[in-house]
């Protein structure tokens, strides 16, 4: 539940990676056994609340909570490591979900995938790719119909969670 470490291969994946302050990262983390527990809007909103709780240390540029995973484009601040930021989101959301729906435990699969955004990558293009996941998955025909996403560039006052 909420762990960000995995099996023997996990250490090898993390070796040589560093968490850079003020750097952007795209994080993807699946639910335990890819269970679609975030099909339930209330459960998905608990993930959104956890993202908002880490804002001072890891501001969100965009996110989409899919039925069985989370995509999160964020920036590290305050010296927090990427592992710690992800652990905070997964831990907080897992505690809240588990408290309300014990049968949902464990919530998260161990570990996560991250992509350090290169300086030459356009953040808006990457964000557009992230938030259009529900379209590509066939969950909705218009992104505005999907309730669990948001991006800092959206100016119409919608709050995705």
C-alpha atoms as a PDB file:
ATOM      1  CA  UNK A   1       0.000   0.000   0.000  1.00  0.00           C
ATOM      2  CA  UNK A   2       1.578   3.226  -1.153  1.00  0.00           C
ATOM      3  CA  UNK A   3       5.098   1.819  -1.383  1.00  0.00           C
ATOM      4  CA  UNK A   4       7.378   3.210  -4.033  1.00  0.00           C
ATOM      5  CA  UNK A   5       9.893   0.410  -3.950  1.00  0.00           C
ATOM      6  CA  UNK A   6       9.579  -2.804  -5.861  1.00  0.00           C
ATOM      7  CA  UNK A   7      11.323  -6.125  -6.277  1.00  0.00           C
ATOM      8  CA  UNK A   8      14.967  -6.863  -7.056  1.00  0.00           C
ATOM      9  CA  UNK A   9      14.873  -5.138 -10.450  1.00  0.00           C
ATOM     10  CA  UNK A  10      13.536  -1.917  -8.964  1.00  0.00           C
ATOM     11  CA  UNK A  11      16.884  -0.883  -7.458  1.00  0.00           C
ATOM     12  CA  UNK A  12      18.521  -1.320 -10.857  1.00  0.00           C
ATOM     13  CA  UNK A  13      15.911   0.912 -12.478  1.00  0.00           C
ATOM     14  CA  UNK A  14      16.513   3.677  -9.921  1.00  0.00           C
ATOM     15  CA  UNK A  15      20.331   3.435 -10.000  1.00  0.00           C
ATOM     16  CA  UNK A  16      21.928   6.498 -11.532  1.00  0.00           C
ATOM     17  CA  UNK A  17      18.770   8.600 -11.360  1.00  0.00           C
ATOM     18  CA  UNK A  18      18.669  11.768  -9.360  1.00  0.00           C
ATOM     19  CA  UNK A  19      15.875  14.035  -8.213  1.00  0.00           C
ATOM     20  CA  UNK A  20      16.569  17.529  -9.451  1.00  0.00           C
ATOM     21  CA  UNK A  21      15.035  20.511  -7.689  1.00  0.00           C
ATOM     22  CA  UNK A  22      12.841  22.611 -10.032  1.00  0.00           C
ATOM     23  CA  UNK A  23      12.915  19.851 -12.666  1.00  0.00           C
ATOM     24  CA  UNK A  24       9.775  18.491 -14.358  1.00  0.00           C
ATOM     25  CA  UNK A  25       8.787  14.824 -14.232  1.00  0.00           C
ATOM     26  CA  UNK A  26       6.009  12.754 -15.724  1.00  0.00           C
ATOM     27  CA  UNK A  27       5.028  10.012 -13.302  1.00  0.00           C
ATOM     28  CA  UNK A  28       2.806   7.037 -14.075  1.00  0.00           C
ATOM     29  CA  UNK A  29       1.737   4.673 -11.343  1.00  0.00           C
ATOM     30  CA  UNK A  30      -0.803   1.836 -11.588  1.00  0.00           C
ATOM     31  CA  UNK A  31      -3.227   0.510  -9.041  1.00  0.00           C
ATOM     32  CA  UNK A  32      -2.560  -2.842  -7.404  1.00  0.00           C
ATOM     33  CA  UNK A  33      -3.129  -5.542 -10.026  1.00  0.00           C
ATOM     34  CA  UNK A  34      -4.418  -2.785 -12.326  1.00  0.00           C
ATOM     35  CA  UNK A  35      -7.807  -2.877 -10.592  1.00  0.00           C
ATOM     36  CA  UNK A  36     -10.059  -0.084 -11.934  1.00  0.00           C
ATOM     37  CA  UNK A  37     -10.851   1.350  -8.496  1.00  0.00           C
ATOM     38  CA  UNK A  38     -10.826   4.929  -9.781  1.00  0.00           C
ATOM     39  CA  UNK A  39     -13.868   4.265 -11.953  1.00  0.00           C
ATOM     40  CA  UNK A  40     -15.594   5.403  -8.797  1.00  0.00           C
ATOM     41  CA  UNK A  41     -15.480   9.207  -8.888  1.00  0.00           C
ATOM     42  CA  UNK A  42     -15.272   9.560  -5.103  1.00  0.00           C
ATOM     43  CA  UNK A  43     -12.232   7.278  -4.937  1.00  0.00           C
ATOM     44  CA  UNK A  44     -10.554   9.134  -7.789  1.00  0.00           C
ATOM     45  CA  UNK A  45     -11.149  12.453  -6.039  1.00  0.00           C
ATOM     46  CA  UNK A  46      -9.174  11.205  -3.048  1.00  0.00           C
ATOM     47  CA  UNK A  47      -6.170  10.882  -5.368  1.00  0.00           C
ATOM     48  CA  UNK A  48      -6.768  14.456  -6.562  1.00  0.00           C
ATOM     49  CA  UNK A  49      -6.850  15.635  -2.935  1.00  0.00           C
ATOM     50  CA  UNK A  50      -3.520  13.885  -2.311  1.00  0.00           C
ATOM     51  CA  UNK A  51      -2.007  15.632  -5.358  1.00  0.00           C
ATOM     52  CA  UNK A  52      -3.189  18.977  -4.043  1.00  0.00           C
ATOM     53  CA  UNK A  53      -1.761  18.247  -0.595  1.00  0.00           C
ATOM     54  CA  UNK A  54       1.784  17.957  -1.990  1.00  0.00           C
ATOM     55  CA  UNK A  55       1.539  21.166  -4.071  1.00  0.00           C
ATOM     56  CA  UNK A  56       4.140  23.123  -2.042  1.00  0.00           C
ATOM     57  CA  UNK A  57       6.760  20.423  -2.632  1.00  0.00           C
ATOM     58  CA  UNK A  58       5.646  19.083  -6.000  1.00  0.00           C
ATOM     59  CA  UNK A  59       3.405  21.483  -7.922  1.00  0.00           C
ATOM     60  CA  UNK A  60       1.168  19.800 -10.467  1.00  0.00           C
ATOM     61  CA  UNK A  61       1.162  20.978 -14.063  1.00  0.00           C
ATOM     62  CA  UNK A  62      -1.449  18.412 -15.046  1.00  0.00           C
ATOM     63  CA  UNK A  63      -2.832  15.031 -14.089  1.00  0.00           C
ATOM     64  CA  UNK A  64      -5.352  12.466 -15.179  1.00  0.00           C
ATOM     65  CA  UNK A  65      -6.660   9.776 -12.856  1.00  0.00           C
ATOM     66  CA  UNK A  66      -7.541   6.845 -15.095  1.00  0.00           C
ATOM     67  CA  UNK A  67      -9.610   3.904 -13.795  1.00  0.00           C
ATOM     68  CA  UNK A  68      -6.473   1.873 -13.008  1.00  0.00           C
ATOM     69  CA  UNK A  69      -3.562   4.331 -12.956  1.00  0.00           C
ATOM     70  CA  UNK A  70      -2.427   7.907 -12.470  1.00  0.00           C
ATOM     71  CA  UNK A  71      -0.482  10.160 -14.858  1.00  0.00           C
ATOM     72  CA  UNK A  72       1.036  13.178 -13.115  1.00  0.00           C
ATOM     73  CA  UNK A  73       3.177  15.916 -14.668  1.00  0.00           C
ATOM     74  CA  UNK A  74       4.839  17.821 -11.866  1.00  0.00           C
ATOM     75  CA  UNK A  75       7.839  19.870 -10.794  1.00  0.00           C
ATOM     76  CA  UNK A  76       9.963  19.145  -7.735  1.00  0.00           C
ATOM     77  CA  UNK A  77      10.478  21.934  -5.177  1.00  0.00           C
ATOM     78  CA  UNK A  78      11.898  22.334  -1.710  1.00  0.00           C
ATOM     79  CA  UNK A  79      14.517  19.633  -1.978  1.00  0.00           C
ATOM     80  CA  UNK A  80      11.965  16.798  -1.941  1.00  0.00           C
ATOM     81  CA  UNK A  81      12.992  13.729  -3.925  1.00  0.00           C
ATOM     82  CA  UNK A  82      10.859  12.238  -6.647  1.00  0.00           C
ATOM     83  CA  UNK A  83      10.478   9.034  -4.606  1.00  0.00           C
ATOM     84  CA  UNK A  84       9.285  11.048  -1.618  1.00  0.00           C
ATOM     85  CA  UNK A  85       6.785  13.116  -3.625  1.00  0.00           C
ATOM     86  CA  UNK A  86       5.253  10.008  -5.188  1.00  0.00           C
ATOM     87  CA  UNK A  87       5.234   8.221  -1.834  1.00  0.00           C
ATOM     88  CA  UNK A  88       3.347  11.129  -0.267  1.00  0.00           C
ATOM     89  CA  UNK A  89       0.645  11.030  -2.950  1.00  0.00           C
ATOM     90  CA  UNK A  90       0.320   7.268  -2.931  1.00  0.00           C
ATOM     91  CA  UNK A  91       0.477   7.011   0.863  1.00  0.00           C
ATOM     92  CA  UNK A  92      -2.071   9.740   1.558  1.00  0.00           C
ATOM     93  CA  UNK A  93      -4.518   8.512  -1.069  1.00  0.00           C
ATOM     94  CA  UNK A  94      -4.124   4.874   0.003  1.00  0.00           C
ATOM     95  CA  UNK A  95      -4.800   5.741   3.648  1.00  0.00           C
ATOM     96  CA  UNK A  96      -7.948   7.701   2.793  1.00  0.00           C
ATOM     97  CA  UNK A  97      -9.250   5.141   0.318  1.00  0.00           C
ATOM     98  CA  UNK A  98      -8.470   2.260   2.685  1.00  0.00           C
ATOM     99  CA  UNK A  99     -10.138   4.020   5.596  1.00  0.00           C
ATOM    100  CA  UNK A 100     -13.350   4.506   3.629  1.00  0.00           C
ATOM    101  CA  UNK A 101     -13.299   1.301   1.585  1.00  0.00           C
ATOM    102  CA  UNK A 102     -11.146  -1.364   3.283  1.00  0.00           C
ATOM    103  CA  UNK A 103     -11.840  -3.831   0.459  1.00  0.00           C
ATOM    104  CA  UNK A 104      -9.877  -1.550  -1.901  1.00  0.00           C
ATOM    105  CA  UNK A 105      -6.596  -2.366  -0.111  1.00  0.00           C
ATOM    106  CA  UNK A 106      -3.926  -2.501  -1.315  1.00  0.00           C
ATOM    107  CA  UNK A 107      -4.540   0.521  -3.536  1.00  0.00           C
ATOM    108  CA  UNK A 108      -1.277   1.008  -5.416  1.00  0.00           C
ATOM    109  CA  UNK A 109       1.143  -1.286  -7.155  1.00  0.00           C
ATOM    110  CA  UNK A 110       4.671  -0.996  -5.795  1.00  0.00           C
ATOM    111  CA  UNK A 111       6.927   1.380  -7.697  1.00  0.00           C
ATOM    112  CA  UNK A 112       6.195   3.850 -10.460  1.00  0.00           C
ATOM    113  CA  UNK A 113       7.488   4.873 -13.863  1.00  0.00           C
ATOM    114  CA  UNK A 114       8.998   8.315 -14.276  1.00  0.00           C
ATOM    115  CA  UNK A 115      10.221  10.351 -17.188  1.00  0.00           C
ATOM    116  CA  UNK A 116      12.469  13.329 -16.540  1.00  0.00           C
ATOM    117  CA  UNK A 117      11.299  15.984 -18.956  1.00  0.00           C
ATOM    118  CA  UNK A 118      14.095  17.143 -21.228  1.00  0.00           C
ATOM    119  CA  UNK A 119      14.726  20.859 -21.612  1.00  0.00           C
ATOM    120  CA  UNK A 120      13.720  20.697 -25.284  1.00  0.00           C
ATOM    121  CA  UNK A 121      10.332  19.081 -24.598  1.00  0.00           C
ATOM    122  CA  UNK A 122       7.284  21.308 -24.730  1.00  0.00           C
ATOM    123  CA  UNK A 123       5.407  21.029 -21.427  1.00  0.00           C
ATOM    124  CA  UNK A 124       2.055  21.946 -22.980  1.00  0.00           C
ATOM    125  CA  UNK A 125       2.384  19.245 -25.625  1.00  0.00           C
ATOM    126  CA  UNK A 126       3.261  16.706 -22.964  1.00  0.00           C
ATOM    127  CA  UNK A 127       0.348  17.891 -20.809  1.00  0.00           C
ATOM    128  CA  UNK A 128      -2.024  17.614 -23.771  1.00  0.00           C
ATOM    129  CA  UNK A 129      -0.860  14.023 -24.248  1.00  0.00           C
ATOM    130  CA  UNK A 130      -1.460  13.288 -20.546  1.00  0.00           C
ATOM    131  CA  UNK A 131      -4.963  14.733 -20.301  1.00  0.00           C
ATOM    132  CA  UNK A 132      -6.157  13.142 -23.543  1.00  0.00           C
ATOM    133  CA  UNK A 133      -5.580   9.648 -22.179  1.00  0.00           C
ATOM    134  CA  UNK A 134      -9.329   9.154 -21.506  1.00  0.00           C
ATOM    135  CA  UNK A 135     -10.027   9.940 -25.182  1.00  0.00           C
ATOM    136  CA  UNK A 136      -7.453   7.437 -26.447  1.00  0.00           C
ATOM    137  CA  UNK A 137      -8.784   4.832 -24.000  1.00  0.00           C
ATOM    138  CA  UNK A 138     -12.307   5.322 -25.365  1.00  0.00           C
ATOM    139  CA  UNK A 139     -13.702   6.390 -21.982  1.00  0.00           C
ATOM    140  CA  UNK A 140     -15.203   9.629 -23.344  1.00  0.00           C
ATOM    141  CA  UNK A 141     -15.674  11.379 -26.671  1.00  0.00           C
ATOM    142  CA  UNK A 142     -14.712  14.814 -25.297  1.00  0.00           C
ATOM    143  CA  UNK A 143     -12.096  15.444 -22.609  1.00  0.00           C
ATOM    144  CA  UNK A 144     -14.495  17.840 -20.890  1.00  0.00           C
ATOM    145  CA  UNK A 145     -16.747  14.849 -20.181  1.00  0.00           C
ATOM    146  CA  UNK A 146     -14.045  13.129 -18.111  1.00  0.00           C
ATOM    147  CA  UNK A 147     -14.114  14.339 -14.489  1.00  0.00           C
ATOM    148  CA  UNK A 148     -10.668  13.394 -13.151  1.00  0.00           C
ATOM    149  CA  UNK A 149      -8.146  15.621 -14.880  1.00  0.00           C
ATOM    150  CA  UNK A 150      -6.819  19.135 -14.685  1.00  0.00           C
ATOM    151  CA  UNK A 151      -4.008  21.295 -16.061  1.00  0.00           C
ATOM    152  CA  UNK A 152      -2.569  24.636 -15.002  1.00  0.00           C
ATOM    153  CA  UNK A 153      -3.246  25.993 -18.481  1.00  0.00           C
ATOM    154  CA  UNK A 154      -7.018  25.491 -18.231  1.00  0.00           C
ATOM    155  CA  UNK A 155      -8.540  28.922 -17.663  1.00  0.00           C
ATOM    156  CA  UNK A 156     -12.268  28.237 -17.672  1.00  0.00           C
ATOM    157  CA  UNK A 157     -12.413  27.654 -13.919  1.00  0.00           C
ATOM    158  CA  UNK A 158     -12.973  23.920 -14.100  1.00  0.00           C
ATOM    159  CA  UNK A 159     -11.394  21.869 -11.353  1.00  0.00           C
ATOM    160  CA  UNK A 160     -10.854  18.326 -12.503  1.00  0.00           C
ATOM    161  CA  UNK A 161     -11.549  16.650  -9.231  1.00  0.00           C
END
